[in-house]
Amino acid sequence: MADCLSGDPVPGDPRFDYANQWQTGMMGAPCANPMCFLGSLVCPCCSAMYVRRQSLEADMTRYKCCQGYYDICCFKAGSLQEESCPDVCNALESYFCLSCSIS
């Protein structure tokens, strides 16, 4: 197996001493929940929307486009009236900016 997939600590990692661990490692995730894995392959936008909603604990009043971090030119994340229709904004973000929606 490649060293990058071993799960061993990386030398010099400043997060080495953190106590929290994931319930399921990245290598075991497809086998732990195969339907979610396959659904993510078939429809990554739907998966991104679901994960974003879960990460906000279904409280969409906390939703901000691109998590409020992606400002470029005239686009200011978090200032696009997301509070008026967060589910629609989440869907649009997942479709047009998939990488930002799952970051």
PDB file of N, CA and C in Angstrom:
ATOM      1  N   MET A   1       0.853  -1.179   0.000  1.00  0.00           N
ATOM      2  CA  MET A   1       0.000   0.000   0.000  1.00  0.00           C
ATOM      3  C   MET A   1       0.892   1.234   0.000  1.00  0.00           C
ATOM      4  N   ALA A   2       0.447   2.255  -0.666  1.00  0.00           N
ATOM      5  CA  ALA A   2       1.217   3.499  -0.740  1.00  0.00           C
ATOM      6  C   ALA A   2       1.319   4.136   0.649  1.00  0.00           C
ATOM      7  N   ASP A   3       2.453   4.784   0.908  1.00  0.00           N
ATOM      8  CA  ASP A   3       2.653   5.437   2.202  1.00  0.00           C
ATOM      9  C   ASP A   3       1.616   6.510   2.480  1.00  0.00           C
ATOM     10  N   CYS A   4       1.118   7.182   1.460  1.00  0.00           N
ATOM     11  CA  CYS A   4       0.149   8.255   1.681  1.00  0.00           C
ATOM     12  C   CYS A   4      -1.211   7.719   2.136  1.00  0.00           C
ATOM     13  N   LEU A   5      -1.443   6.428   1.995  1.00  0.00           N
ATOM     14  CA  LEU A   5      -2.720   5.846   2.398  1.00  0.00           C
ATOM     15  C   LEU A   5      -2.613   4.987   3.656  1.00  0.00           C
ATOM     16  N   SER A   6      -1.452   4.977   4.295  1.00  0.00           N
ATOM     17  CA  SER A   6      -1.236   4.061   5.411  1.00  0.00           C
ATOM     18  C   SER A   6      -1.963   4.472   6.683  1.00  0.00           C
ATOM     19  N   GLY A   7      -2.211   5.745   6.885  1.00  0.00           N
ATOM     20  CA  GLY A   7      -2.841   6.198   8.119  1.00  0.00           C
ATOM     21  C   GLY A   7      -1.852   6.479   9.235  1.00  0.00           C
ATOM     22  N   ASP A   8      -0.579   6.224   8.984  1.00  0.00           N
ATOM     23  CA  ASP A   8       0.446   6.526   9.992  1.00  0.00           C
ATOM     24  C   ASP A   8       0.654   8.025  10.085  1.00  0.00           C
ATOM     25  N   PRO A   9       1.072   8.527  11.250  1.00  0.00           N
ATOM     26  CA  PRO A   9       1.332   9.967  11.391  1.00  0.00           C
ATOM     27  C   PRO A   9       2.426  10.442  10.428  1.00  0.00           C
ATOM     28  N   VAL A  10       2.273  11.651   9.962  1.00  0.00           N
ATOM     29  CA  VAL A  10       3.253  12.255   9.072  1.00  0.00           C
ATOM     30  C   VAL A  10       4.299  12.950   9.947  1.00  0.00           C
ATOM     31  N   PRO A  11       5.572  12.690   9.713  1.00  0.00           N
ATOM     32  CA  PRO A  11       6.606  13.340  10.538  1.00  0.00           C
ATOM     33  C   PRO A  11       6.501  14.860  10.472  1.00  0.00           C
ATOM     34  N   GLY A  12       6.531  15.508  11.622  1.00  0.00           N
ATOM     35  CA  GLY A  12       6.479  16.963  11.690  1.00  0.00           C
ATOM     36  C   GLY A  12       5.085  17.548  11.619  1.00  0.00           C
ATOM     37  N   ASP A  13       4.049  16.717  11.635  1.00  0.00           N
ATOM     38  CA  ASP A  13       2.670  17.206  11.568  1.00  0.00           C
ATOM     39  C   ASP A  13       2.315  17.920  12.876  1.00  0.00           C
ATOM     40  N   PRO A  14       1.935  19.207  12.822  1.00  0.00           N
ATOM     41  CA  PRO A  14       1.612  19.935  14.051  1.00  0.00           C
ATOM     42  C   PRO A  14       0.337  19.422  14.734  1.00  0.00           C
ATOM     43  N   ARG A  15      -0.469  18.648  14.011  1.00  0.00           N
ATOM     44  CA  ARG A  15      -1.702  18.112  14.593  1.00  0.00           C
ATOM     45  C   ARG A  15      -1.517  16.710  15.160  1.00  0.00           C
ATOM     46  N   PHE A  16      -0.302  16.249  15.264  1.00  0.00           N
ATOM     47  CA  PHE A  16      -0.016  14.888  15.709  1.00  0.00           C
ATOM     48  C   PHE A  16      -0.597  14.589  17.092  1.00  0.00           C
ATOM     49  N   ASP A  17      -0.556  15.546  17.996  1.00  0.00           N
ATOM     50  CA  ASP A  17      -0.995  15.324  19.369  1.00  0.00           C
ATOM     51  C   ASP A  17      -2.488  15.563  19.595  1.00  0.00           C
ATOM     52  N   TYR A  18      -3.240  15.857  18.548  1.00  0.00           N
ATOM     53  CA  TYR A  18      -4.678  16.059  18.722  1.00  0.00           C
ATOM     54  C   TYR A  18      -5.318  14.749  19.171  1.00  0.00           C
ATOM     55  N   ALA A  19      -6.242  14.830  20.098  1.00  0.00           N
ATOM     56  CA  ALA A  19      -6.837  13.632  20.682  1.00  0.00           C
ATOM     57  C   ALA A  19      -7.995  13.067  19.854  1.00  0.00           C
ATOM     58  N   ASN A  20      -8.669  13.877  19.071  1.00  0.00           N
ATOM     59  CA  ASN A  20      -9.859  13.411  18.350  1.00  0.00           C
ATOM     60  C   ASN A  20      -9.486  12.512  17.182  1.00  0.00           C
ATOM     61  N   GLN A  21     -10.311  11.507  16.968  1.00  0.00           N
ATOM     62  CA  GLN A  21     -10.142  10.586  15.850  1.00  0.00           C
ATOM     63  C   GLN A  21     -11.470  10.479  15.107  1.00  0.00           C
ATOM     64  N   TRP A  22     -11.418  10.209  13.824  1.00  0.00           N
ATOM     65  CA  TRP A  22     -12.625   9.977  13.047  1.00  0.00           C
ATOM     66  C   TRP A  22     -13.212   8.635  13.444  1.00  0.00           C
ATOM     67  N   GLN A  23     -14.540   8.518  13.422  1.00  0.00           N
ATOM     68  CA  GLN A  23     -15.177   7.236  13.706  1.00  0.00           C
ATOM     69  C   GLN A  23     -14.806   6.216  12.646  1.00  0.00           C
ATOM     70  N   THR A  24     -14.719   6.662  11.400  1.00  0.00           N
ATOM     71  CA  THR A  24     -14.375   5.795  10.277  1.00  0.00           C
ATOM     72  C   THR A  24     -13.255   6.456   9.496  1.00  0.00           C
ATOM     73  N   GLY A  25     -12.184   5.729   9.251  1.00  0.00           N
ATOM     74  CA  GLY A  25     -11.074   6.252   8.462  1.00  0.00           C
ATOM     75  C   GLY A  25     -11.455   6.378   6.998  1.00  0.00           C
ATOM     76  N   MET A  26     -10.708   7.166   6.243  1.00  0.00           N
ATOM     77  CA  MET A  26     -11.035   7.375   4.832  1.00  0.00           C
ATOM     78  C   MET A  26     -10.935   6.090   4.020  1.00  0.00           C
ATOM     79  N   MET A  27      -9.995   5.223   4.361  1.00  0.00           N
ATOM     80  CA  MET A  27      -9.852   3.974   3.613  1.00  0.00           C
ATOM     81  C   MET A  27     -10.998   3.007   3.897  1.00  0.00           C
ATOM     82  N   GLY A  28     -11.582   3.082   5.083  1.00  0.00           N
ATOM     83  CA  GLY A  28     -12.670   2.175   5.433  1.00  0.00           C
ATOM     84  C   GLY A  28     -14.053   2.721   5.146  1.00  0.00           C
ATOM     85  N   ALA A  29     -14.157   3.982   4.775  1.00  0.00           N
ATOM     86  CA  ALA A  29     -15.456   4.618   4.579  1.00  0.00           C
ATOM     87  C   ALA A  29     -16.305   3.964   3.480  1.00  0.00           C
ATOM     88  N   PRO A  30     -15.758   3.619   2.302  1.00  0.00           N
ATOM     89  CA  PRO A  30     -16.606   2.993   1.281  1.00  0.00           C
ATOM     90  C   PRO A  30     -17.222   1.673   1.737  1.00  0.00           C
ATOM     91  N   CYS A  31     -16.481   0.892   2.517  1.00  0.00           N
ATOM     92  CA  CYS A  31     -17.022  -0.386   3.001  1.00  0.00           C
ATOM     93  C   CYS A  31     -17.972  -0.189   4.174  1.00  0.00           C
ATOM     94  N   ALA A  32     -17.732   0.848   4.987  1.00  0.00           N
ATOM     95  CA  ALA A  32     -18.581   1.100   6.148  1.00  0.00           C
ATOM     96  C   ALA A  32     -19.975   1.578   5.732  1.00  0.00           C
ATOM     97  N   ASN A  33     -20.058   2.326   4.636  1.00  0.00           N
ATOM     98  CA  ASN A  33     -21.350   2.827   4.156  1.00  0.00           C
ATOM     99  C   ASN A  33     -21.358   2.800   2.628  1.00  0.00           C
ATOM    100  N   PRO A  34     -21.507   1.598   2.046  1.00  0.00           N
ATOM    101  CA  PRO A  34     -21.390   1.476   0.589  1.00  0.00           C
ATOM    102  C   PRO A  34     -22.459   2.234  -0.194  1.00  0.00           C
ATOM    103  N   MET A  35     -23.675   2.355   0.348  1.00  0.00           N
ATOM    104  CA  MET A  35     -24.722   3.073  -0.392  1.00  0.00           C
ATOM    105  C   MET A  35     -24.398   4.564  -0.491  1.00  0.00           C
ATOM    106  N   CYS A  36     -23.898   5.133   0.582  1.00  0.00           N
ATOM    107  CA  CYS A  36     -23.497   6.546   0.553  1.00  0.00           C
ATOM    108  C   CYS A  36     -22.339   6.739  -0.421  1.00  0.00           C
ATOM    109  N   PHE A  37     -21.398   5.816  -0.405  1.00  0.00           N
ATOM    110  CA  PHE A  37     -20.250   5.885  -1.307  1.00  0.00           C
ATOM    111  C   PHE A  37     -20.709   5.836  -2.764  1.00  0.00           C
ATOM    112  N   LEU A  38     -21.582   4.876  -3.093  1.00  0.00           N
ATOM    113  CA  LEU A  38     -22.057   4.753  -4.466  1.00  0.00           C
ATOM    114  C   LEU A  38     -22.921   5.945  -4.869  1.00  0.00           C
ATOM    115  N   GLY A  39     -23.743   6.427  -3.942  1.00  0.00           N
ATOM    116  CA  GLY A  39     -24.560   7.608  -4.228  1.00  0.00           C
ATOM    117  C   GLY A  39     -23.697   8.821  -4.505  1.00  0.00           C
ATOM    118  N   SER A  40     -22.587   8.941  -3.795  1.00  0.00           N
ATOM    119  CA  SER A  40     -21.671  10.066  -4.006  1.00  0.00           C
ATOM    120  C   SER A  40     -21.000   9.988  -5.369  1.00  0.00           C
ATOM    121  N   LEU A  41     -20.752   8.779  -5.835  1.00  0.00           N
ATOM    122  CA  LEU A  41     -20.159   8.625  -7.165  1.00  0.00           C
ATOM    123  C   LEU A  41     -21.163   8.972  -8.263  1.00  0.00           C
ATOM    124  N   VAL A  42     -22.410   8.560  -8.068  1.00  0.00           N
ATOM    125  CA  VAL A  42     -23.445   8.781  -9.072  1.00  0.00           C
ATOM    126  C   VAL A  42     -23.905  10.237  -9.090  1.00  0.00           C
ATOM    127  N   CYS A  43     -24.090  10.819  -7.920  1.00  0.00           N
ATOM    128  CA  CYS A  43     -24.600  12.188  -7.839  1.00  0.00           C
ATOM    129  C   CYS A  43     -23.835  12.975  -6.766  1.00  0.00           C
ATOM    130  N   PRO A  44     -22.641  13.456  -7.095  1.00  0.00           N
ATOM    131  CA  PRO A  44     -21.839  14.164  -6.093  1.00  0.00           C
ATOM    132  C   PRO A  44     -22.498  15.452  -5.598  1.00  0.00           C
ATOM    133  N   CYS A  45     -23.289  16.108  -6.426  1.00  0.00           N
ATOM    134  CA  CYS A  45     -23.952  17.348  -5.999  1.00  0.00           C
ATOM    135  C   CYS A  45     -24.960  17.072  -4.885  1.00  0.00           C
ATOM    136  N   CYS A  46     -25.749  16.010  -5.046  1.00  0.00           N
ATOM    137  CA  CYS A  46     -26.722  15.653  -4.009  1.00  0.00           C
ATOM    138  C   CYS A  46     -26.007  15.269  -2.723  1.00  0.00           C
ATOM    139  N   SER A  47     -24.918  14.558  -2.853  1.00  0.00           N
ATOM    140  CA  SER A  47     -24.135  14.162  -1.683  1.00  0.00           C
ATOM    141  C   SER A  47     -23.566  15.385  -0.974  1.00  0.00           C
ATOM    142  N   ALA A  48     -23.068  16.342  -1.739  1.00  0.00           N
ATOM    143  CA  ALA A  48     -22.516  17.566  -1.151  1.00  0.00           C
ATOM    144  C   ALA A  48     -23.589  18.350  -0.408  1.00  0.00           C
ATOM    145  N   MET A  49     -24.788  18.425  -0.990  1.00  0.00           N
ATOM    146  CA  MET A  49     -25.890  19.122  -0.324  1.00  0.00           C
ATOM    147  C   MET A  49     -26.229  18.435   0.996  1.00  0.00           C
ATOM    148  N   TYR A  50     -26.283  17.119   0.981  1.00  0.00           N
ATOM    149  CA  TYR A  50     -26.613  16.360   2.187  1.00  0.00           C
ATOM    150  C   TYR A  50     -25.547  16.539   3.274  1.00  0.00           C
ATOM    151  N   VAL A  51     -24.289  16.440   2.885  1.00  0.00           N
ATOM    152  CA  VAL A  51     -23.202  16.581   3.851  1.00  0.00           C
ATOM    153  C   VAL A  51     -23.188  17.984   4.444  1.00  0.00           C
ATOM    154  N   ARG A  52     -23.429  18.989   3.621  1.00  0.00           N
ATOM    155  CA  ARG A  52     -23.444  20.360   4.114  1.00  0.00           C
ATOM    156  C   ARG A  52     -24.562  20.566   5.127  1.00  0.00           C
ATOM    157  N   ARG A  53     -25.740  20.023   4.828  1.00  0.00           N
ATOM    158  CA  ARG A  53     -26.874  20.122   5.744  1.00  0.00           C
ATOM    159  C   ARG A  53     -26.554  19.386   7.049  1.00  0.00           C
ATOM    160  N   GLN A  54     -25.952  18.219   6.961  1.00  0.00           N
ATOM    161  CA  GLN A  54     -25.582  17.453   8.158  1.00  0.00           C
ATOM    162  C   GLN A  54     -24.536  18.200   8.988  1.00  0.00           C
ATOM    163  N   SER A  55     -23.580  18.817   8.338  1.00  0.00           N
ATOM    164  CA  SER A  55     -22.534  19.533   9.074  1.00  0.00           C
ATOM    165  C   SER A  55     -23.096  20.756   9.806  1.00  0.00           C
ATOM    166  N   LEU A  56     -24.188  21.301   9.287  1.00  0.00           N
ATOM    167  CA  LEU A  56     -24.852  22.422   9.957  1.00  0.00           C
ATOM    168  C   LEU A  56     -25.924  21.943  10.935  1.00  0.00           C
ATOM    169  N   GLU A  57     -25.983  20.636  11.144  1.00  0.00           N
ATOM    170  CA  GLU A  57     -26.970  20.017  12.033  1.00  0.00           C
ATOM    171  C   GLU A  57     -28.385  20.422  11.643  1.00  0.00           C
ATOM    172  N   ALA A  58     -28.638  20.499  10.343  1.00  0.00           N
ATOM    173  CA  ALA A  58     -29.934  20.844   9.743  1.00  0.00           C
ATOM    174  C   ALA A  58     -30.408  22.249  10.105  1.00  0.00           C
ATOM    175  N   ASP A  59     -29.538  23.063  10.667  1.00  0.00           N
ATOM    176  CA  ASP A  59     -29.879  24.454  10.987  1.00  0.00           C
ATOM    177  C   ASP A  59     -29.403  25.339   9.841  1.00  0.00           C
ATOM    178  N   MET A  60     -30.228  25.462   8.829  1.00  0.00           N
ATOM    179  CA  MET A  60     -29.833  26.190   7.631  1.00  0.00           C
ATOM    180  C   MET A  60     -29.768  27.698   7.843  1.00  0.00           C
ATOM    181  N   THR A  61     -30.149  28.193   9.014  1.00  0.00           N
ATOM    182  CA  THR A  61     -29.967  29.615   9.301  1.00  0.00           C
ATOM    183  C   THR A  61     -28.476  29.933   9.426  1.00  0.00           C
ATOM    184  N   ARG A  62     -27.653  28.914   9.665  1.00  0.00           N
ATOM    185  CA  ARG A  62     -26.200  29.095   9.768  1.00  0.00           C
ATOM    186  C   ARG A  62     -25.491  28.972   8.420  1.00  0.00           C
ATOM    187  N   TYR A  63     -26.226  28.649   7.362  1.00  0.00           N
ATOM    188  CA  TYR A  63     -25.636  28.439   6.041  1.00  0.00           C
ATOM    189  C   TYR A  63     -25.093  29.741   5.456  1.00  0.00           C
ATOM    190  N   LYS A  64     -23.899  29.675   4.921  1.00  0.00           N
ATOM    191  CA  LYS A  64     -23.306  30.774   4.160  1.00  0.00           C
ATOM    192  C   LYS A  64     -22.685  30.168   2.912  1.00  0.00           C
ATOM    193  N   CYS A  65     -22.880  30.813   1.789  1.00  0.00           N
ATOM    194  CA  CYS A  65     -22.319  30.334   0.538  1.00  0.00           C
ATOM    195  C   CYS A  65     -20.796  30.213   0.657  1.00  0.00           C
ATOM    196  N   CYS A  66     -20.267  29.117   0.188  1.00  0.00           N
ATOM    197  CA  CYS A  66     -18.822  28.839   0.246  1.00  0.00           C
ATOM    198  C   CYS A  66     -18.279  28.993   1.669  1.00  0.00           C
ATOM    199  N   GLN A  67     -19.124  28.728   2.637  1.00  0.00           N
ATOM    200  CA  GLN A  67     -18.800  28.808   4.057  1.00  0.00           C
ATOM    201  C   GLN A  67     -18.349  30.201   4.479  1.00  0.00           C
ATOM    202  N   GLY A  68     -18.615  31.190   3.624  1.00  0.00           N
ATOM    203  CA  GLY A  68     -18.252  32.561   3.934  1.00  0.00           C
ATOM    204  C   GLY A  68     -16.794  32.899   3.673  1.00  0.00           C
ATOM    205  N   TYR A  69     -16.043  31.986   3.056  1.00  0.00           N
ATOM    206  CA  TYR A  69     -14.599  32.177   2.883  1.00  0.00           C
ATOM    207  C   TYR A  69     -14.155  32.623   1.500  1.00  0.00           C
ATOM    208  N   TYR A  70     -14.965  32.446   0.472  1.00  0.00           N
ATOM    209  CA  TYR A  70     -14.495  32.637  -0.895  1.00  0.00           C
ATOM    210  C   TYR A  70     -14.920  33.999  -1.434  1.00  0.00           C
ATOM    211  N   ASP A  71     -14.057  34.983  -1.297  1.00  0.00           N
ATOM    212  CA  ASP A  71     -14.307  36.323  -1.835  1.00  0.00           C
ATOM    213  C   ASP A  71     -13.377  36.559  -3.011  1.00  0.00           C
ATOM    214  N   ILE A  72     -13.947  36.920  -4.132  1.00  0.00           N
ATOM    215  CA  ILE A  72     -13.124  37.218  -5.309  1.00  0.00           C
ATOM    216  C   ILE A  72     -13.885  38.222  -6.178  1.00  0.00           C
ATOM    217  N   CYS A  73     -13.195  39.226  -6.631  1.00  0.00           N
ATOM    218  CA  CYS A  73     -13.772  40.298  -7.448  1.00  0.00           C
ATOM    219  C   CYS A  73     -15.040  40.850  -6.799  1.00  0.00           C
ATOM    220  N   CYS A  74     -16.156  40.770  -7.506  1.00  0.00           N
ATOM    221  CA  CYS A  74     -17.407  41.313  -6.976  1.00  0.00           C
ATOM    222  C   CYS A  74     -18.186  40.272  -6.169  1.00  0.00           C
ATOM    223  N   PHE A  75     -17.710  39.040  -6.114  1.00  0.00           N
ATOM    224  CA  PHE A  75     -18.381  37.976  -5.365  1.00  0.00           C
ATOM    225  C   PHE A  75     -17.931  37.997  -3.913  1.00  0.00           C
ATOM    226  N   LYS A  76     -18.855  38.210  -3.011  1.00  0.00           N
ATOM    227  CA  LYS A  76     -18.563  38.218  -1.579  1.00  0.00           C
ATOM    228  C   LYS A  76     -19.366  37.108  -0.918  1.00  0.00           C
ATOM    229  N   ALA A  77     -18.706  36.034  -0.559  1.00  0.00           N
ATOM    230  CA  ALA A  77     -19.382  34.896   0.066  1.00  0.00           C
ATOM    231  C   ALA A  77     -20.035  35.316   1.372  1.00  0.00           C
ATOM    232  N   GLY A  78     -21.232  34.827   1.595  1.00  0.00           N
ATOM    233  CA  GLY A  78     -21.954  35.145   2.810  1.00  0.00           C
ATOM    234  C   GLY A  78     -22.779  36.410   2.718  1.00  0.00           C
ATOM    235  N   SER A  79     -22.724  37.095   1.586  1.00  0.00           N
ATOM    236  CA  SER A  79     -23.500  38.337   1.439  1.00  0.00           C
ATOM    237  C   SER A  79     -24.448  38.262   0.238  1.00  0.00           C
ATOM    238  N   LEU A  80     -24.925  37.077  -0.060  1.00  0.00           N
ATOM    239  CA  LEU A  80     -25.771  36.877  -1.235  1.00  0.00           C
ATOM    240  C   LEU A  80     -27.221  36.582  -0.870  1.00  0.00           C
ATOM    241  N   GLN A  81     -27.650  37.037   0.308  1.00  0.00           N
ATOM    242  CA  GLN A  81     -29.023  36.831   0.778  1.00  0.00           C
ATOM    243  C   GLN A  81     -29.344  35.345   0.978  1.00  0.00           C
ATOM    244  N   GLU A  82     -28.355  34.568   1.422  1.00  0.00           N
ATOM    245  CA  GLU A  82     -28.557  33.140   1.640  1.00  0.00           C
ATOM    246  C   GLU A  82     -29.631  32.850   2.675  1.00  0.00           C
ATOM    247  N   GLU A  83     -29.812  33.772   3.626  1.00  0.00           N
ATOM    248  CA  GLU A  83     -30.783  33.531   4.693  1.00  0.00           C
ATOM    249  C   GLU A  83     -32.215  33.465   4.177  1.00  0.00           C
ATOM    250  N   SER A  84     -32.483  34.054   3.011  1.00  0.00           N
ATOM    251  CA  SER A  84     -33.849  34.043   2.489  1.00  0.00           C
ATOM    252  C   SER A  84     -34.216  32.701   1.846  1.00  0.00           C
ATOM    253  N   CYS A  85     -33.245  31.986   1.305  1.00  0.00           N
ATOM    254  CA  CYS A  85     -33.521  30.680   0.696  1.00  0.00           C
ATOM    255  C   CYS A  85     -32.254  29.808   0.743  1.00  0.00           C
ATOM    256  N   PRO A  86     -31.860  29.373   1.937  1.00  0.00           N
ATOM    257  CA  PRO A  86     -30.597  28.643   2.076  1.00  0.00           C
ATOM    258  C   PRO A  86     -30.562  27.314   1.333  1.00  0.00           C
ATOM    259  N   ASP A  87     -31.690  26.611   1.223  1.00  0.00           N
ATOM    260  CA  ASP A  87     -31.675  25.322   0.535  1.00  0.00           C
ATOM    261  C   ASP A  87     -31.436  25.489  -0.960  1.00  0.00           C
ATOM    262  N   VAL A  88     -32.020  26.523  -1.550  1.00  0.00           N
ATOM    263  CA  VAL A  88     -31.791  26.796  -2.971  1.00  0.00           C
ATOM    264  C   VAL A  88     -30.331  27.196  -3.183  1.00  0.00           C
ATOM    265  N   CYS A  89     -29.810  28.038  -2.306  1.00  0.00           N
ATOM    266  CA  CYS A  89     -28.409  28.451  -2.413  1.00  0.00           C
ATOM    267  C   CYS A  89     -27.467  27.258  -2.240  1.00  0.00           C
ATOM    268  N   ASN A  90     -27.801  26.359  -1.325  1.00  0.00           N
ATOM    269  CA  ASN A  90     -26.994  25.154  -1.121  1.00  0.00           C
ATOM    270  C   ASN A  90     -26.990  24.301  -2.384  1.00  0.00           C
ATOM    271  N   ALA A  91     -28.144  24.162  -3.024  1.00  0.00           N
ATOM    272  CA  ALA A  91     -28.235  23.384  -4.257  1.00  0.00           C
ATOM    273  C   ALA A  91     -27.408  24.025  -5.373  1.00  0.00           C
ATOM    274  N   LEU A  92     -27.531  25.340  -5.521  1.00  0.00           N
ATOM    275  CA  LEU A  92     -26.766  26.036  -6.564  1.00  0.00           C
ATOM    276  C   LEU A  92     -25.266  25.954  -6.303  1.00  0.00           C
ATOM    277  N   GLU A  93     -24.877  26.136  -5.055  1.00  0.00           N
ATOM    278  CA  GLU A  93     -23.461  26.045  -4.705  1.00  0.00           C
ATOM    279  C   GLU A  93     -22.926  24.639  -4.978  1.00  0.00           C
ATOM    280  N   SER A  94     -23.703  23.616  -4.622  1.00  0.00           N
ATOM    281  CA  SER A  94     -23.268  22.233  -4.828  1.00  0.00           C
ATOM    282  C   SER A  94     -23.127  21.904  -6.307  1.00  0.00           C
ATOM    283  N   TYR A  95     -23.964  22.516  -7.131  1.00  0.00           N
ATOM    284  CA  TYR A  95     -23.898  22.255  -8.560  1.00  0.00           C
ATOM    285  C   TYR A  95     -22.788  23.044  -9.244  1.00  0.00           C
ATOM    286  N   PHE A  96     -22.686  24.340  -8.949  1.00  0.00           N
ATOM    287  CA  PHE A  96     -21.742  25.191  -9.653  1.00  0.00           C
ATOM    288  C   PHE A  96     -20.355  25.265  -8.994  1.00  0.00           C
ATOM    289  N   CYS A  97     -20.271  25.064  -7.702  1.00  0.00           N
ATOM    290  CA  CYS A  97     -19.001  25.170  -6.979  1.00  0.00           C
ATOM    291  C   CYS A  97     -18.814  23.961  -6.076  1.00  0.00           C
ATOM    292  N   LEU A  98     -18.800  22.791  -6.661  1.00  0.00           N
ATOM    293  CA  LEU A  98     -18.755  21.553  -5.876  1.00  0.00           C
ATOM    294  C   LEU A  98     -17.576  21.522  -4.911  1.00  0.00           C
ATOM    295  N   SER A  99     -16.412  21.919  -5.356  1.00  0.00           N
ATOM    296  CA  SER A  99     -15.240  21.848  -4.483  1.00  0.00           C
ATOM    297  C   SER A  99     -15.374  22.776  -3.277  1.00  0.00           C
ATOM    298  N   CYS A 100     -15.971  23.949  -3.466  1.00  0.00           N
ATOM    299  CA  CYS A 100     -16.181  24.864  -2.333  1.00  0.00           C
ATOM    300  C   CYS A 100     -17.236  24.348  -1.387  1.00  0.00           C
ATOM    301  N   SER A 101     -18.235  23.673  -1.912  1.00  0.00           N
ATOM    302  CA  SER A 101     -19.336  23.214  -1.066  1.00  0.00           C
ATOM    303  C   SER A 101     -18.927  22.065  -0.158  1.00  0.00           C
ATOM    304  N   ILE A 102     -17.891  21.321  -0.525  1.00  0.00           N
ATOM    305  CA  ILE A 102     -17.478  20.189   0.305  1.00  0.00           C
ATOM    306  C   ILE A 102     -16.156  20.437   1.015  1.00  0.00           C
ATOM    307  N   SER A 103     -15.623  21.627   0.878  1.00  0.00           N
ATOM    308  CA  SER A 103     -14.325  21.902   1.511  1.00  0.00           C
ATOM    309  C   SER A 103     -14.440  22.040   3.001  1.00  0.00           C
TER     310      SER A 103
END
